[in-house]
C-alpha cells in the first residue's frame, strides 16, 4: 500500500456514501490489487449529475465486472470559453448515494489539479473524427474528452469501460483511440435511455424550463419521422435531412445546429443509406444545446429491411 504522505489521502467512507478515492496513487493501488487477484475491472466514467442513463451503464457493467469503479470528474478541458463549465450541475452527495445504491464498489473523484498538474502539457487528438459535427460546433471539445478518458483508462486500467450511445461520436472517437494506441480496455457502447416522451436523458436537461422541456421532445420526434421515411423505403440522405429540418423548424423554441446522416464507422456524410449509419441531430432549445441520434443497421443484405435503434 502507499505509505508516508500518501496515507493521508486514503479512500474515505462517509455514512450513506460509496467509498471515495481522491488520488491517482490510491486509485492505481486499488486497481493493482484487483488485477493481482485476477478480477475483472469495470469503469463507468461520468461528470456527475447522475440519471438513469448512467445507472443503466452501471447495471450493464455489473453483469461483467467486479470491482466496478465509477468516476466523477467535471473535465475543464472539454468545455469551451463560452460554455457551461462553471454552472454545470454538481451534486456530489446525491450522486455518491446513487452509486452506492447501484452497487458501485468505489468512486474515483479527483480534483482538477490531480488530473492536470501545473506543468501538464500532453493531449490526445484523434485526427479526422474530431473535426466534424460536435468537433466543428465545439472546437477543442474532443481533444479534452479523449485526453481525460485516456488518463482515466491509464489510471484505472479497466478491462471494460462503458459509454452511452447518445454521445455516439464521442464513443466512436474513444473506440478509435483505444484501438490506435493498443489499449487493453474494451470500450462498450450502451443504448440510449429515454424519458417516457422520448427525450434522451442528459444532465443538461435540468437547465430546461417547463416550456423548453416540452419543446425538447422535438429531437426524438424528428428522428422518429426519419425512421418512418426509412421504413417506407426512402434511402436518399438529403431527403431525410429535409425531413429533420422541417420537423425541428416547426417547433418555435428549437433551432437546428446540424442534422446529418453519416457512416457509422467514419462519421463521414453518406449520399444514400447503403450501410450502417447514424442519423445525428444537434439543436438549440432556447439557449440550451442538446444532441440525439438514431443508429440504423440492416436486417438483410441490400438494406431492404432495416433495424432502428433510437
Protein backbone atom coordinates (compact mmCIF):
# COMPACT_ATOMS: atom_id res chain seq x y z
CA UNK A 1 0.00 0.00 0.00
CA UNK A 2 1.16 3.61 -0.46
CA UNK A 3 2.97 4.92 2.58
CA UNK A 4 4.00 8.20 4.17
CA UNK A 5 2.32 11.31 2.82
CA UNK A 6 0.02 9.22 0.60
CA UNK A 7 -1.70 7.72 3.64
CA UNK A 8 -3.47 11.00 4.35
CA UNK A 9 -5.25 10.60 1.04
CA UNK A 10 -6.68 7.14 1.76
CA UNK A 11 -10.18 6.34 0.46
CA UNK A 12 -12.91 7.94 2.53
CA UNK A 13 -16.19 6.36 3.57
CA UNK A 14 -18.95 8.71 4.73
CA UNK A 15 -22.10 7.16 6.15
CA UNK A 16 -24.56 6.60 3.32
CA UNK A 17 -21.97 7.28 0.61
CA UNK A 18 -19.85 4.97 -1.55
CA UNK A 19 -16.13 4.68 -0.80
CA UNK A 20 -14.40 7.63 -2.45
CA UNK A 21 -10.87 7.70 -3.85
CA UNK A 22 -9.41 11.16 -4.39
CA UNK A 23 -5.85 10.50 -5.59
CA UNK A 24 -4.32 8.77 -8.59
CA UNK A 25 -1.92 6.83 -6.34
CA UNK A 26 -4.72 5.20 -4.35
CA UNK A 27 -6.80 4.51 -7.46
CA UNK A 28 -3.83 2.76 -9.07
CA UNK A 29 -3.22 0.74 -5.92
CA UNK A 30 -6.82 -0.48 -5.79
CA UNK A 31 -6.67 -1.44 -9.45
CA UNK A 32 -3.31 -3.19 -8.96
CA UNK A 33 -4.72 -5.30 -6.16
CA UNK A 34 -7.77 -6.25 -8.24
CA UNK A 35 -5.62 -7.34 -11.17
CA UNK A 36 -3.35 -9.33 -8.82
CA UNK A 37 -6.49 -11.21 -7.73
CA UNK A 38 -7.42 -11.83 -11.41
CA UNK A 39 -10.60 -9.79 -11.04
CA UNK A 40 -12.38 -8.10 -13.97
CA UNK A 41 -12.28 -4.32 -13.54
CA UNK A 42 -15.04 -2.16 -14.97
CA UNK A 43 -15.10 1.64 -15.33
CA UNK A 44 -18.06 3.95 -15.85
CA UNK A 45 -16.70 7.50 -16.41
CA UNK A 46 -19.13 10.34 -15.65
CA UNK A 47 -19.22 14.06 -14.96
CA UNK A 48 -21.78 13.56 -12.22
CA UNK A 49 -25.37 14.88 -12.14
CA UNK A 50 -26.29 11.23 -12.49
CA UNK A 51 -29.51 9.98 -14.07
CA UNK A 52 -30.96 6.65 -15.22
CA UNK A 53 -28.74 6.67 -18.28
CA UNK A 54 -25.71 6.42 -16.00
CA UNK A 55 -27.29 3.77 -13.80
CA UNK A 56 -28.07 1.71 -16.92
CA UNK A 57 -24.34 1.72 -17.71
CA UNK A 58 -23.63 0.57 -14.15
CA UNK A 59 -26.21 -2.23 -14.42
CA UNK A 60 -24.59 -3.42 -17.67
CA UNK A 61 -21.11 -3.23 -16.16
CA UNK A 62 -22.12 -5.20 -13.07
CA UNK A 63 -23.00 -8.14 -15.32
CA UNK A 64 -19.36 -8.42 -16.38
CA UNK A 65 -17.17 -6.75 -13.78
CA UNK A 66 -16.07 -6.78 -10.17
CA UNK A 67 -14.80 -4.44 -8.93
CA UNK A 68 -16.79 -1.73 -10.64
CA UNK A 69 -15.37 1.80 -10.49
CA UNK A 70 -17.34 4.93 -11.35
CA UNK A 71 -15.62 8.26 -11.80
CA UNK A 72 -16.99 11.75 -11.31
CA UNK A 73 -14.87 14.47 -12.83
CA UNK A 74 -16.20 17.65 -14.45
CA UNK A 75 -13.46 17.96 -17.01
CA UNK A 76 -12.47 21.59 -17.63
CA UNK A 77 -10.54 20.68 -20.79
CA UNK A 78 -13.69 19.75 -22.74
CA UNK A 79 -15.57 23.00 -22.15
CA UNK A 80 -15.16 25.99 -24.44
CA UNK A 81 -14.74 29.56 -23.11
CA UNK A 82 -18.44 30.36 -23.56
CA UNK A 83 -19.80 27.01 -22.36
CA UNK A 84 -21.29 25.94 -19.05
CA UNK A 85 -18.33 24.64 -17.02
CA UNK A 86 -18.94 26.98 -14.06
CA UNK A 87 -22.65 26.19 -13.79
CA UNK A 88 -22.51 22.51 -14.80
CA UNK A 89 -24.61 20.69 -12.15
CA UNK A 90 -22.52 19.29 -9.28
CA UNK A 91 -24.42 17.02 -6.88
CA UNK A 92 -21.69 15.00 -5.26
CA UNK A 93 -23.52 13.71 -2.18
CA UNK A 94 -26.67 12.64 -4.02
CA UNK A 95 -24.56 11.17 -6.84
CA UNK A 96 -22.48 9.21 -4.34
CA UNK A 97 -25.62 7.81 -2.74
CA UNK A 98 -26.96 6.78 -6.17
CA UNK A 99 -23.69 4.98 -6.92
CA UNK A 100 -23.86 3.14 -3.61
CA UNK A 101 -27.44 2.07 -4.27
CA UNK A 102 -26.46 0.92 -7.77
CA UNK A 103 -23.73 -1.32 -6.35
CA UNK A 104 -20.59 0.52 -7.42
CA UNK A 105 -17.52 -0.64 -5.46
CA UNK A 106 -15.63 2.65 -5.45
CA UNK A 107 -15.89 6.21 -6.71
CA UNK A 108 -12.85 7.90 -8.22
CA UNK A 109 -13.41 11.64 -7.73
CA UNK A 110 -10.14 13.54 -8.17
CA UNK A 111 -9.71 17.30 -8.07
CA UNK A 112 -8.73 19.07 -11.32
CA UNK A 113 -5.20 19.71 -10.01
CA UNK A 114 -4.74 15.96 -9.52
CA UNK A 115 -5.59 15.23 -13.15
CA UNK A 116 -3.99 18.36 -14.64
CA UNK A 117 -0.99 19.46 -12.55
CA UNK A 118 0.60 22.85 -13.26
CA UNK A 119 3.11 21.50 -15.76
CA UNK A 120 0.55 19.42 -17.72
CA UNK A 121 1.18 19.75 -21.46
CA UNK A 122 0.24 16.48 -23.23
CA UNK A 123 -3.04 15.96 -25.11
CA UNK A 124 -4.62 13.18 -27.16
CA UNK A 125 -6.16 14.12 -30.51
CA UNK A 126 -7.91 11.71 -32.89
CA UNK A 127 -7.48 13.23 -36.35
CA UNK A 128 -10.37 13.43 -38.77
CA UNK A 129 -13.10 12.13 -36.49
CA UNK A 130 -12.56 15.05 -34.09
CA UNK A 131 -13.10 17.83 -36.61
CA UNK A 132 -16.68 17.21 -37.78
CA UNK A 133 -20.12 17.64 -36.25
CA UNK A 134 -19.64 18.08 -32.48
CA UNK A 135 -15.99 18.89 -33.10
CA UNK A 136 -16.90 21.66 -35.52
CA UNK A 137 -19.59 23.09 -33.25
CA UNK A 138 -17.40 22.84 -30.13
CA UNK A 139 -13.74 23.43 -31.13
CA UNK A 140 -11.32 21.68 -28.77
CA UNK A 141 -14.08 19.68 -27.10
CA UNK A 142 -12.96 16.26 -28.29
CA UNK A 143 -9.31 16.91 -27.51
CA UNK A 144 -10.40 17.44 -23.92
CA UNK A 145 -12.60 14.33 -23.96
CA UNK A 146 -10.02 11.95 -25.41
CA UNK A 147 -7.28 13.31 -23.15
CA UNK A 148 -9.23 12.81 -19.93
CA UNK A 149 -10.57 9.41 -20.99
CA UNK A 150 -7.05 8.30 -21.86
CA UNK A 151 -5.90 9.39 -18.41
CA UNK A 152 -8.76 7.55 -16.70
CA UNK A 153 -8.06 4.39 -18.69
CA UNK A 154 -4.37 4.60 -17.81
CA UNK A 155 -5.07 5.20 -14.12
CA UNK A 156 -7.78 2.56 -13.61
CA UNK A 157 -6.69 0.16 -16.40
CA UNK A 158 -10.16 -1.41 -16.63
CA UNK A 159 -10.86 -4.48 -18.69
CA UNK A 160 -14.11 -2.81 -19.83
CA UNK A 161 -15.17 0.86 -19.96
CA UNK A 162 -18.82 1.79 -20.57
CA UNK A 163 -20.20 4.73 -22.56
CA UNK A 164 -23.70 5.69 -23.69
CA UNK A 165 -24.67 5.84 -27.37
CA UNK A 166 -26.30 9.26 -27.01
CA UNK A 167 -22.80 10.70 -27.43
CA UNK A 168 -22.20 8.45 -30.45
CA UNK A 169 -19.36 10.46 -31.97
CA UNK A 170 -17.59 10.60 -28.62
CA UNK A 171 -17.88 6.83 -28.15
CA UNK A 172 -16.59 6.25 -31.68
CA UNK A 173 -13.60 8.52 -31.04
CA UNK A 174 -12.76 6.73 -27.81
CA UNK A 175 -13.01 3.34 -29.54
CA UNK A 176 -10.64 4.59 -32.26
CA UNK A 177 -8.21 5.95 -29.66
CA UNK A 178 -8.19 2.66 -27.75
CA UNK A 179 -7.57 0.75 -30.98
CA UNK A 180 -4.88 3.07 -32.34
CA UNK A 181 -2.93 3.20 -29.07
CA UNK A 182 -3.25 -0.53 -28.34
CA UNK A 183 -5.02 -0.02 -25.04
CA UNK A 184 -6.10 -3.14 -23.18
CA UNK A 185 -9.51 -1.72 -22.23
CA UNK A 186 -12.52 -2.77 -24.29
CA UNK A 187 -14.91 0.13 -25.00
CA UNK A 188 -18.54 -0.94 -24.55
CA UNK A 189 -21.24 1.24 -26.12
CA UNK A 190 -24.67 1.01 -24.44
CA UNK A 191 -28.17 2.04 -25.63
CA UNK A 192 -29.71 5.46 -25.17
CA UNK A 193 -32.08 5.74 -22.20
CA UNK A 194 -35.12 7.95 -22.76
CA UNK A 195 -37.94 9.56 -20.83
CA UNK A 196 -41.45 8.24 -21.50
CA UNK A 197 -41.98 11.02 -24.09
CA UNK A 198 -38.77 10.13 -25.95
CA UNK A 199 -36.38 12.80 -24.66
CA UNK A 200 -32.90 11.31 -24.30
CA UNK A 201 -31.66 11.54 -20.73
CA UNK A 202 -28.96 14.18 -20.21
CA UNK A 203 -27.59 16.06 -17.22
CA UNK A 204 -28.23 19.25 -19.19
CA UNK A 205 -31.98 18.59 -19.31
CA UNK A 206 -32.07 20.09 -15.82
CA UNK A 207 -31.42 23.51 -17.39
CA UNK A 208 -34.72 23.44 -19.32
CA UNK A 209 -37.77 25.28 -18.03
CA UNK A 210 -41.15 23.57 -18.37
CA UNK A 211 -41.88 25.05 -21.80
CA UNK A 212 -38.43 24.20 -23.11
CA UNK A 213 -38.66 20.70 -21.64
CA UNK A 214 -41.83 20.09 -23.65
CA UNK A 215 -40.23 21.54 -26.79
CA UNK A 216 -37.11 19.37 -26.38
CA UNK A 217 -39.03 16.26 -27.40
CA UNK A 218 -38.84 17.59 -30.97
CA UNK A 219 -35.43 15.91 -31.34
CA UNK A 220 -36.92 12.49 -30.73
CA UNK A 221 -39.98 13.27 -32.83
CA UNK A 222 -37.77 14.40 -35.73
CA UNK A 223 -35.72 11.20 -35.54
CA UNK A 224 -38.93 9.16 -35.43
CA UNK A 225 -40.14 10.88 -38.61
CA UNK A 226 -36.86 9.98 -40.29
CA UNK A 227 -37.36 6.41 -39.08
CA UNK A 228 -40.81 6.33 -40.71
CA UNK A 229 -39.36 7.58 -44.01
CA UNK A 230 -36.62 4.96 -43.93
CA UNK A 231 -39.15 2.22 -43.11
CA UNK A 232 -41.18 3.39 -46.13
CA UNK A 233 -38.17 2.88 -48.40
CA UNK A 234 -36.50 6.31 -48.52
CA UNK A 235 -32.73 5.93 -48.82
CA UNK A 236 -31.71 9.41 -50.03
CA UNK A 237 -29.80 11.22 -47.27
CA UNK A 238 -30.70 14.73 -48.46
CA UNK A 239 -34.39 13.85 -48.40
CA UNK A 240 -34.02 12.58 -44.84
CA UNK A 241 -32.14 15.72 -43.81
CA UNK A 242 -35.01 17.81 -45.17
CA UNK A 243 -37.43 15.79 -43.05
CA UNK A 244 -35.33 16.50 -39.95
CA UNK A 245 -35.04 20.23 -40.68
CA UNK A 246 -38.77 20.60 -41.35
CA UNK A 247 -39.69 18.77 -38.17
CA UNK A 248 -37.44 20.86 -35.95
CA UNK A 249 -38.31 24.06 -37.79
CA UNK A 250 -41.94 23.56 -36.80
CA UNK A 251 -41.02 23.98 -33.12
CA UNK A 252 -40.66 27.70 -32.38
CA UNK A 253 -38.26 27.20 -29.46
CA UNK A 254 -35.91 24.96 -31.48
CA UNK A 255 -33.12 25.77 -33.93
CA UNK A 256 -31.02 23.19 -35.79
CA UNK A 257 -27.25 23.19 -35.30
CA UNK A 258 -26.73 20.18 -37.55
CA UNK A 259 -28.82 17.31 -38.93
CA UNK A 260 -26.73 14.73 -40.77
CA UNK A 261 -26.67 11.11 -41.86
CA UNK A 262 -23.19 9.64 -41.53
CA UNK A 263 -21.37 6.35 -41.94
CA UNK A 264 -21.30 4.52 -38.60
CA UNK A 265 -17.52 3.99 -38.75
CA UNK A 266 -16.04 7.05 -40.45
CA UNK A 267 -18.77 9.56 -39.44
CA UNK A 268 -18.44 10.99 -42.95
CA UNK A 269 -21.68 12.08 -44.69
CA UNK A 270 -23.44 9.50 -46.85
CA UNK A 271 -25.44 10.19 -50.00
CA UNK A 272 -27.59 7.06 -49.81
CA UNK A 273 -28.32 4.65 -46.98
CA UNK A 274 -26.45 1.53 -48.12
CA UNK A 275 -24.58 0.60 -44.94
CA UNK A 276 -24.81 1.04 -41.19
CA UNK A 277 -25.20 4.71 -40.34
CA UNK A 278 -26.21 7.26 -37.74
CA UNK A 279 -28.87 9.91 -38.09
CA UNK A 280 -27.40 12.68 -35.94
CA UNK A 281 -29.08 15.77 -34.52
CA UNK A 282 -27.91 18.78 -32.54
CA UNK A 283 -30.37 21.56 -31.80
CA UNK A 284 -30.78 24.55 -29.55
CA UNK A 285 -33.85 24.55 -27.34
CA UNK A 286 -33.90 28.13 -26.17
CA UNK A 287 -30.26 28.69 -25.17
CA UNK A 288 -29.57 25.04 -24.34
CA UNK A 289 -27.92 22.82 -26.94
CA UNK A 290 -28.99 19.15 -26.98
CA UNK A 291 -27.92 16.17 -29.10
CA UNK A 292 -29.62 12.93 -30.08
CA UNK A 293 -29.24 10.19 -32.67
CA UNK A 294 -30.64 7.07 -34.26
CA UNK A 295 -28.48 4.10 -35.28
CA UNK A 296 -29.59 2.35 -38.46
CA UNK A 297 -28.43 -1.11 -39.49
CA UNK A 298 -29.71 -3.84 -41.79
CA UNK A 299 -31.76 -6.95 -41.16
CA UNK A 300 -30.96 -8.34 -44.59
CA UNK A 301 -28.48 -7.93 -47.49
CA UNK A 302 -29.08 -4.87 -49.63
CA UNK A 303 -30.56 -2.76 -46.84
CA UNK A 304 -34.08 -3.78 -47.88
CA UNK A 305 -35.03 -4.30 -44.22
CA UNK A 306 -33.63 -2.04 -41.55
CA UNK A 307 -33.29 -2.09 -37.77
CA UNK A 308 -33.62 1.19 -35.91
CA UNK A 309 -32.04 1.95 -32.55
CA UNK A 310 -33.48 5.13 -31.05
